[in-house]
Amino acid sequence: YKNLFGKTETKIRGRFDTPLWLTHRIWQNIPVEFLKPENRVTLDMTCGWGSFLITAEDRLAGLPDMNRRRLSNYIFGNDDDSTTAELARVALLTSTGKDSWEISRKDARQFQLPRGKVPNIIVGNPPFFGDRKKQLTANTGGKRHELANDFLSHAVELLAPGGFLAMVMPGSFIASEAGPETRKKLLDTCDIFEIW
């Protein structure tokens, strides 16, 4: 995945690798045991090569009350790039030996799960906008705009009540001038467990 895009394209597209050690750490801090097994529907709407999905399968497969369930009915991925979406499918196939994973290829900002499913767990590392100078546009009223905020905002809207959300966001998110509306929405809608 790291070799798929050059440094310039990575920066322009704001797509960065989420290493497995980080996804494991994040998943270990999501108290999925508090959700009923049938409510552990998981979504990574910007899945890239699938590191959050691989770790989701590992975490859910380790729960005794999930051992007879087909995890491909609970774990869903999406990436707007067909190559990375296929990489995620292959990564899940390689790590699990099963080839029944549903990885969509849509714009995550309008993404909905299939068959009326509602995610109780949303994880991800959305694209970060790469160039501060290009963030000022007529569409934003001259204010700075961070693309990752759009994904976080949509994730908050998609998440089932009582669900869990874990997102990797730009370090500037906590205080940036690009994020006050998204921060307010997050604080008004969610209880914050941790910020790393």
C-alpha atoms as a PDB file:
ATOM      1  CA  TYR A   1       0.000   0.000   0.000  1.00  0.00           C
ATOM      2  CA  LYS A   2       2.815   2.398   0.885  1.00  0.00           C
ATOM      3  CA  ASN A   3       4.408   1.752  -2.504  1.00  0.00           C
ATOM      4  CA  LEU A   4       1.165   2.127  -4.448  1.00  0.00           C
ATOM      5  CA  PHE A   5       1.189   5.932  -4.358  1.00  0.00           C
ATOM      6  CA  GLY A   6       4.246   8.182  -4.570  1.00  0.00           C
ATOM      7  CA  LYS A   7       4.966  10.777  -1.889  1.00  0.00           C
ATOM      8  CA  THR A   8       3.488  13.621  -3.934  1.00  0.00           C
ATOM      9  CA  GLU A   9       0.264  11.758  -4.711  1.00  0.00           C
ATOM     10  CA  THR A  10      -0.012  10.581  -1.097  1.00  0.00           C
ATOM     11  CA  LYS A  11       0.199  14.167   0.080  1.00  0.00           C
ATOM     12  CA  ILE A  12      -2.232  15.514  -2.532  1.00  0.00           C
ATOM     13  CA  ARG A  13      -4.782  12.772  -1.878  1.00  0.00           C
ATOM     14  CA  GLY A  14      -4.226  12.845   1.887  1.00  0.00           C
ATOM     15  CA  ARG A  15      -4.017   9.039   2.019  1.00  0.00           C
ATOM     16  CA  PHE A  16      -1.746   7.611   4.654  1.00  0.00           C
ATOM     17  CA  ASP A  17      -1.112   4.059   5.834  1.00  0.00           C
ATOM     18  CA  THR A  18      -2.590   2.991   9.167  1.00  0.00           C
ATOM     19  CA  PRO A  19      -0.188   0.372  10.522  1.00  0.00           C
ATOM     20  CA  LEU A  20      -1.530  -2.797  12.122  1.00  0.00           C
ATOM     21  CA  TRP A  21       0.107  -2.029  15.486  1.00  0.00           C
ATOM     22  CA  LEU A  22      -2.008   1.144  15.686  1.00  0.00           C
ATOM     23  CA  THR A  23      -5.254  -0.502  14.589  1.00  0.00           C
ATOM     24  CA  HIS A  24      -4.669  -3.249  17.175  1.00  0.00           C
ATOM     25  CA  ARG A  25      -4.146  -0.667  19.901  1.00  0.00           C
ATOM     26  CA  ILE A  26      -7.307   1.198  18.890  1.00  0.00           C
ATOM     27  CA  TRP A  27      -9.412  -1.967  18.692  1.00  0.00           C
ATOM     28  CA  GLN A  28      -8.213  -3.130  22.117  1.00  0.00           C
ATOM     29  CA  ASN A  29      -9.601   0.111  23.550  1.00  0.00           C
ATOM     30  CA  ILE A  30     -13.072  -0.224  21.986  1.00  0.00           C
ATOM     31  CA  PRO A  31     -15.278  -1.998  24.561  1.00  0.00           C
ATOM     32  CA  VAL A  32     -17.147  -4.117  22.008  1.00  0.00           C
ATOM     33  CA  GLU A  33     -18.104  -6.579  24.728  1.00  0.00           C
ATOM     34  CA  PHE A  34     -20.740  -4.065  25.881  1.00  0.00           C
ATOM     35  CA  LEU A  35     -22.600  -4.458  22.586  1.00  0.00           C
ATOM     36  CA  LYS A  36     -24.893  -7.408  21.955  1.00  0.00           C
ATOM     37  CA  PRO A  37     -23.265  -9.757  19.428  1.00  0.00           C
ATOM     38  CA  GLU A  38     -25.882  -8.976  16.768  1.00  0.00           C
ATOM     39  CA  ASN A  39     -25.114  -5.245  17.171  1.00  0.00           C
ATOM     40  CA  ARG A  40     -21.378  -5.472  16.465  1.00  0.00           C
ATOM     41  CA  VAL A  41     -21.787  -4.272  12.879  1.00  0.00           C
ATOM     42  CA  THR A  42     -18.485  -2.622  11.999  1.00  0.00           C
ATOM     43  CA  LEU A  43     -17.651  -0.137   9.252  1.00  0.00           C
ATOM     44  CA  ASP A  44     -14.456   1.422   7.982  1.00  0.00           C
ATOM     45  CA  MET A  45     -15.703   3.805   5.301  1.00  0.00           C
ATOM     46  CA  THR A  46     -12.168   4.826   4.256  1.00  0.00           C
ATOM     47  CA  CYS A  47     -10.539   1.417   4.608  1.00  0.00           C
ATOM     48  CA  GLY A  48      -7.462   1.798   2.400  1.00  0.00           C
ATOM     49  CA  TRP A  49      -5.652  -1.553   2.357  1.00  0.00           C
ATOM     50  CA  GLY A  50      -7.792  -2.866   5.244  1.00  0.00           C
ATOM     51  CA  SER A  51      -5.716  -2.683   8.433  1.00  0.00           C
ATOM     52  CA  PHE A  52      -8.726  -1.691  10.586  1.00  0.00           C
ATOM     53  CA  LEU A  53     -10.793  -4.477   8.963  1.00  0.00           C
ATOM     54  CA  ILE A  54      -8.143  -7.142   9.568  1.00  0.00           C
ATOM     55  CA  THR A  55      -7.956  -6.092  13.200  1.00  0.00           C
ATOM     56  CA  ALA A  56     -11.767  -5.979  13.465  1.00  0.00           C
ATOM     57  CA  GLU A  57     -11.941  -9.592  12.321  1.00  0.00           C
ATOM     58  CA  ASP A  58      -9.242 -10.571  14.796  1.00  0.00           C
ATOM     59  CA  ARG A  59     -10.938  -8.749  17.690  1.00  0.00           C
ATOM     60  CA  LEU A  60     -14.466 -10.005  16.995  1.00  0.00           C
ATOM     61  CA  ALA A  61     -13.299 -13.573  16.266  1.00  0.00           C
ATOM     62  CA  GLY A  62     -11.682 -13.602  19.713  1.00  0.00           C
ATOM     63  CA  LEU A  63     -14.998 -13.037  21.491  1.00  0.00           C
ATOM     64  CA  PRO A  64     -16.630 -16.294  22.648  1.00  0.00           C
ATOM     65  CA  ASP A  65     -20.145 -15.110  21.753  1.00  0.00           C
ATOM     66  CA  MET A  66     -19.082 -14.432  18.129  1.00  0.00           C
ATOM     67  CA  ASN A  67     -17.440 -17.781  17.379  1.00  0.00           C
ATOM     68  CA  ARG A  68     -20.405 -19.263  15.484  1.00  0.00           C
ATOM     69  CA  ARG A  69     -21.195 -16.124  13.528  1.00  0.00           C
ATOM     70  CA  ARG A  70     -20.085 -15.363   9.983  1.00  0.00           C
ATOM     71  CA  LEU A  71     -18.011 -12.223  10.545  1.00  0.00           C
ATOM     72  CA  SER A  72     -18.362 -11.067   6.942  1.00  0.00           C
ATOM     73  CA  ASN A  73     -21.973 -10.240   7.903  1.00  0.00           C
ATOM     74  CA  TYR A  74     -20.629  -7.834  10.546  1.00  0.00           C
ATOM     75  CA  ILE A  75     -17.503  -6.250   9.047  1.00  0.00           C
ATOM     76  CA  PHE A  76     -17.789  -3.863   6.092  1.00  0.00           C
ATOM     77  CA  GLY A  77     -15.244  -1.735   4.292  1.00  0.00           C
ATOM     78  CA  ASN A  78     -15.351   1.026   1.730  1.00  0.00           C
ATOM     79  CA  ASP A  79     -12.752   2.948  -0.210  1.00  0.00           C
ATOM     80  CA  ASP A  80     -13.332   5.248  -3.163  1.00  0.00           C
ATOM     81  CA  ASP A  81     -10.236   3.905  -4.927  1.00  0.00           C
ATOM     82  CA  SER A  82     -10.821   0.571  -6.701  1.00  0.00           C
ATOM     83  CA  THR A  83      -7.205  -0.552  -6.242  1.00  0.00           C
ATOM     84  CA  THR A  84      -7.130  -0.012  -2.496  1.00  0.00           C
ATOM     85  CA  ALA A  85     -10.617  -1.499  -2.111  1.00  0.00           C
ATOM     86  CA  GLU A  86      -9.355  -4.641  -3.846  1.00  0.00           C
ATOM     87  CA  LEU A  87      -6.233  -4.603  -1.646  1.00  0.00           C
ATOM     88  CA  ALA A  88      -8.498  -4.598   1.427  1.00  0.00           C
ATOM     89  CA  ARG A  89     -10.445  -7.577   0.090  1.00  0.00           C
ATOM     90  CA  VAL A  90      -7.197  -9.474  -0.617  1.00  0.00           C
ATOM     91  CA  ALA A  91      -5.777  -8.525   2.803  1.00  0.00           C
ATOM     92  CA  LEU A  92      -8.866  -9.956   4.513  1.00  0.00           C
ATOM     93  CA  LEU A  93      -8.724 -13.072   2.337  1.00  0.00           C
ATOM     94  CA  THR A  94      -5.043 -13.551   3.144  1.00  0.00           C
ATOM     95  CA  SER A  95      -5.409 -12.981   6.885  1.00  0.00           C
ATOM     96  CA  THR A  96      -8.608 -15.026   7.369  1.00  0.00           C
ATOM     97  CA  GLY A  97      -8.636 -17.574   4.543  1.00  0.00           C
ATOM     98  CA  LYS A  98     -12.222 -16.507   3.763  1.00  0.00           C
ATOM     99  CA  ASP A  99     -13.338 -14.735   0.583  1.00  0.00           C
ATOM    100  CA  SER A 100     -16.756 -13.328   1.427  1.00  0.00           C
ATOM    101  CA  TRP A 101     -15.905  -9.764   2.493  1.00  0.00           C
ATOM    102  CA  GLU A 102     -17.947  -6.823   1.278  1.00  0.00           C
ATOM    103  CA  ILE A 103     -15.744  -3.891   0.322  1.00  0.00           C
ATOM    104  CA  SER A 104     -17.607  -1.103  -1.466  1.00  0.00           C
ATOM    105  CA  ARG A 105     -16.169   1.550  -3.737  1.00  0.00           C
ATOM    106  CA  LYS A 106     -18.077   4.766  -3.055  1.00  0.00           C
ATOM    107  CA  ASP A 107     -17.538   8.277  -1.786  1.00  0.00           C
ATOM    108  CA  ALA A 108     -17.515   7.713   1.966  1.00  0.00           C
ATOM    109  CA  ARG A 109     -19.165  11.064   2.626  1.00  0.00           C
ATOM    110  CA  GLN A 110     -22.410   9.664   1.173  1.00  0.00           C
ATOM    111  CA  PHE A 111     -21.846   6.028   2.097  1.00  0.00           C
ATOM    112  CA  GLN A 112     -24.577   3.862   3.647  1.00  0.00           C
ATOM    113  CA  LEU A 113     -24.315   0.221   4.652  1.00  0.00           C
ATOM    114  CA  PRO A 114     -26.231  -2.279   2.517  1.00  0.00           C
ATOM    115  CA  ARG A 115     -29.497  -3.980   3.423  1.00  0.00           C
ATOM    116  CA  GLY A 116     -30.506  -1.424   6.023  1.00  0.00           C
ATOM    117  CA  LYS A 117     -27.646  -2.315   8.378  1.00  0.00           C
ATOM    118  CA  VAL A 118     -26.604   0.358  10.852  1.00  0.00           C
ATOM    119  CA  PRO A 119     -23.020   0.399  12.139  1.00  0.00           C
ATOM    120  CA  ASN A 120     -22.546   0.222  15.897  1.00  0.00           C
ATOM    121  CA  ILE A 121     -18.780   0.476  15.454  1.00  0.00           C
ATOM    122  CA  ILE A 122     -17.118   2.867  13.035  1.00  0.00           C
ATOM    123  CA  VAL A 123     -13.353   3.001  12.744  1.00  0.00           C
ATOM    124  CA  GLY A 124     -11.057   4.631  10.254  1.00  0.00           C
ATOM    125  CA  ASN A 125      -8.348   6.931   9.100  1.00  0.00           C
ATOM    126  CA  PRO A 126      -9.991   9.325   6.637  1.00  0.00           C
ATOM    127  CA  PRO A 127      -7.987  11.262   4.053  1.00  0.00           C
ATOM    128  CA  PHE A 128      -6.274  14.353   5.409  1.00  0.00           C
ATOM    129  CA  PHE A 129      -6.240  17.337   3.077  1.00  0.00           C
ATOM    130  CA  GLY A 130      -2.620  17.828   2.096  1.00  0.00           C
ATOM    131  CA  ASP A 131      -2.064  21.517   1.261  1.00  0.00           C
ATOM    132  CA  ARG A 132      -3.218  24.294   3.593  1.00  0.00           C
ATOM    133  CA  LYS A 133      -2.990  26.896   0.839  1.00  0.00           C
ATOM    134  CA  LYS A 134      -5.455  25.002  -1.337  1.00  0.00           C
ATOM    135  CA  GLN A 135      -7.963  24.637   1.501  1.00  0.00           C
ATOM    136  CA  LEU A 136      -9.283  28.172   1.074  1.00  0.00           C
ATOM    137  CA  THR A 137     -12.024  28.042  -1.542  1.00  0.00           C
ATOM    138  CA  ALA A 138     -15.251  29.814  -2.430  1.00  0.00           C
ATOM    139  CA  ASN A 139     -17.126  26.714  -1.215  1.00  0.00           C
ATOM    140  CA  THR A 140     -15.848  27.217   2.320  1.00  0.00           C
ATOM    141  CA  GLY A 141     -16.543  30.949   2.484  1.00  0.00           C
ATOM    142  CA  GLY A 142     -12.834  31.686   2.714  1.00  0.00           C
ATOM    143  CA  LYS A 143     -12.471  29.524   5.844  1.00  0.00           C
ATOM    144  CA  ARG A 144      -9.997  26.674   6.070  1.00  0.00           C
ATOM    145  CA  HIS A 145     -11.458  23.272   5.318  1.00  0.00           C
ATOM    146  CA  GLU A 146     -10.098  19.908   6.465  1.00  0.00           C
ATOM    147  CA  LEU A 147     -11.410  16.989   4.418  1.00  0.00           C
ATOM    148  CA  ALA A 148     -11.130  14.555   7.345  1.00  0.00           C
ATOM    149  CA  ASN A 149     -13.802  16.591   9.186  1.00  0.00           C
ATOM    150  CA  ASP A 150     -16.358  15.703   6.481  1.00  0.00           C
ATOM    151  CA  PHE A 151     -15.737  12.004   7.041  1.00  0.00           C
ATOM    152  CA  LEU A 152     -15.921  12.311  10.823  1.00  0.00           C
ATOM    153  CA  SER A 153     -19.152  14.286  10.597  1.00  0.00           C
ATOM    154  CA  HIS A 154     -20.731  11.652   8.342  1.00  0.00           C
ATOM    155  CA  ALA A 155     -19.529   8.872  10.663  1.00  0.00           C
ATOM    156  CA  VAL A 156     -21.287  10.566  13.593  1.00  0.00           C
ATOM    157  CA  GLU A 157     -24.501  10.642  11.539  1.00  0.00           C
ATOM    158  CA  LEU A 158     -24.200   6.964  10.517  1.00  0.00           C
ATOM    159  CA  LEU A 159     -23.349   5.586  13.959  1.00  0.00           C
ATOM    160  CA  ALA A 160     -26.132   3.792  15.823  1.00  0.00           C
ATOM    161  CA  PRO A 161     -27.070   5.226  19.235  1.00  0.00           C
ATOM    162  CA  GLY A 162     -24.834   3.697  21.878  1.00  0.00           C
ATOM    163  CA  GLY A 163     -22.229   2.731  19.270  1.00  0.00           C
ATOM    164  CA  PHE A 164     -18.490   3.326  19.287  1.00  0.00           C
ATOM    165  CA  LEU A 165     -16.475   5.572  16.982  1.00  0.00           C
ATOM    166  CA  ALA A 166     -12.677   5.580  16.668  1.00  0.00           C
ATOM    167  CA  MET A 167     -11.079   7.854  14.067  1.00  0.00           C
ATOM    168  CA  VAL A 168      -7.524   8.849  13.328  1.00  0.00           C
ATOM    169  CA  MET A 169      -7.689  12.590  12.766  1.00  0.00           C
ATOM    170  CA  PRO A 170      -5.074  15.235  11.931  1.00  0.00           C
ATOM    171  CA  GLY A 171      -3.221  16.442  15.008  1.00  0.00           C
ATOM    172  CA  SER A 172      -4.626  19.916  14.404  1.00  0.00           C
ATOM    173  CA  PHE A 173      -8.245  18.716  14.738  1.00  0.00           C
ATOM    174  CA  ILE A 174      -8.508  19.569  18.437  1.00  0.00           C
ATOM    175  CA  ALA A 175      -7.864  23.273  17.941  1.00  0.00           C
ATOM    176  CA  SER A 176      -7.857  24.041  14.219  1.00  0.00           C
ATOM    177  CA  GLU A 177      -9.890  26.835  12.675  1.00  0.00           C
ATOM    178  CA  ALA A 178     -11.150  24.261  10.161  1.00  0.00           C
ATOM    179  CA  GLY A 179     -12.939  22.134  12.736  1.00  0.00           C
ATOM    180  CA  PRO A 180     -15.190  24.070  15.153  1.00  0.00           C
ATOM    181  CA  GLU A 181     -18.473  22.861  13.639  1.00  0.00           C
ATOM    182  CA  THR A 182     -17.313  19.246  13.556  1.00  0.00           C
ATOM    183  CA  ARG A 183     -15.939  19.438  17.108  1.00  0.00           C
ATOM    184  CA  LYS A 184     -19.250  20.915  18.311  1.00  0.00           C
ATOM    185  CA  LYS A 185     -21.226  18.203  16.528  1.00  0.00           C
ATOM    186  CA  LEU A 186     -18.996  15.552  18.074  1.00  0.00           C
ATOM    187  CA  LEU A 187     -19.343  17.006  21.583  1.00  0.00           C
ATOM    188  CA  ASP A 188     -23.112  17.510  21.257  1.00  0.00           C
ATOM    189  CA  THR A 189     -23.727  13.994  19.909  1.00  0.00           C
ATOM    190  CA  CYS A 190     -21.095  11.753  21.505  1.00  0.00           C
ATOM    191  CA  ASP A 191     -19.406  11.059  24.807  1.00  0.00           C
ATOM    192  CA  ILE A 192     -15.638  11.303  24.379  1.00  0.00           C
ATOM    193  CA  PHE A 193     -13.850   8.387  26.031  1.00  0.00           C
ATOM    194  CA  GLU A 194     -10.287   9.123  24.979  1.00  0.00           C
ATOM    195  CA  ILE A 195      -8.221  11.433  22.813  1.00  0.00           C
ATOM    196  CA  TRP A 196      -4.688  10.273  22.033  1.00  0.00           C
END
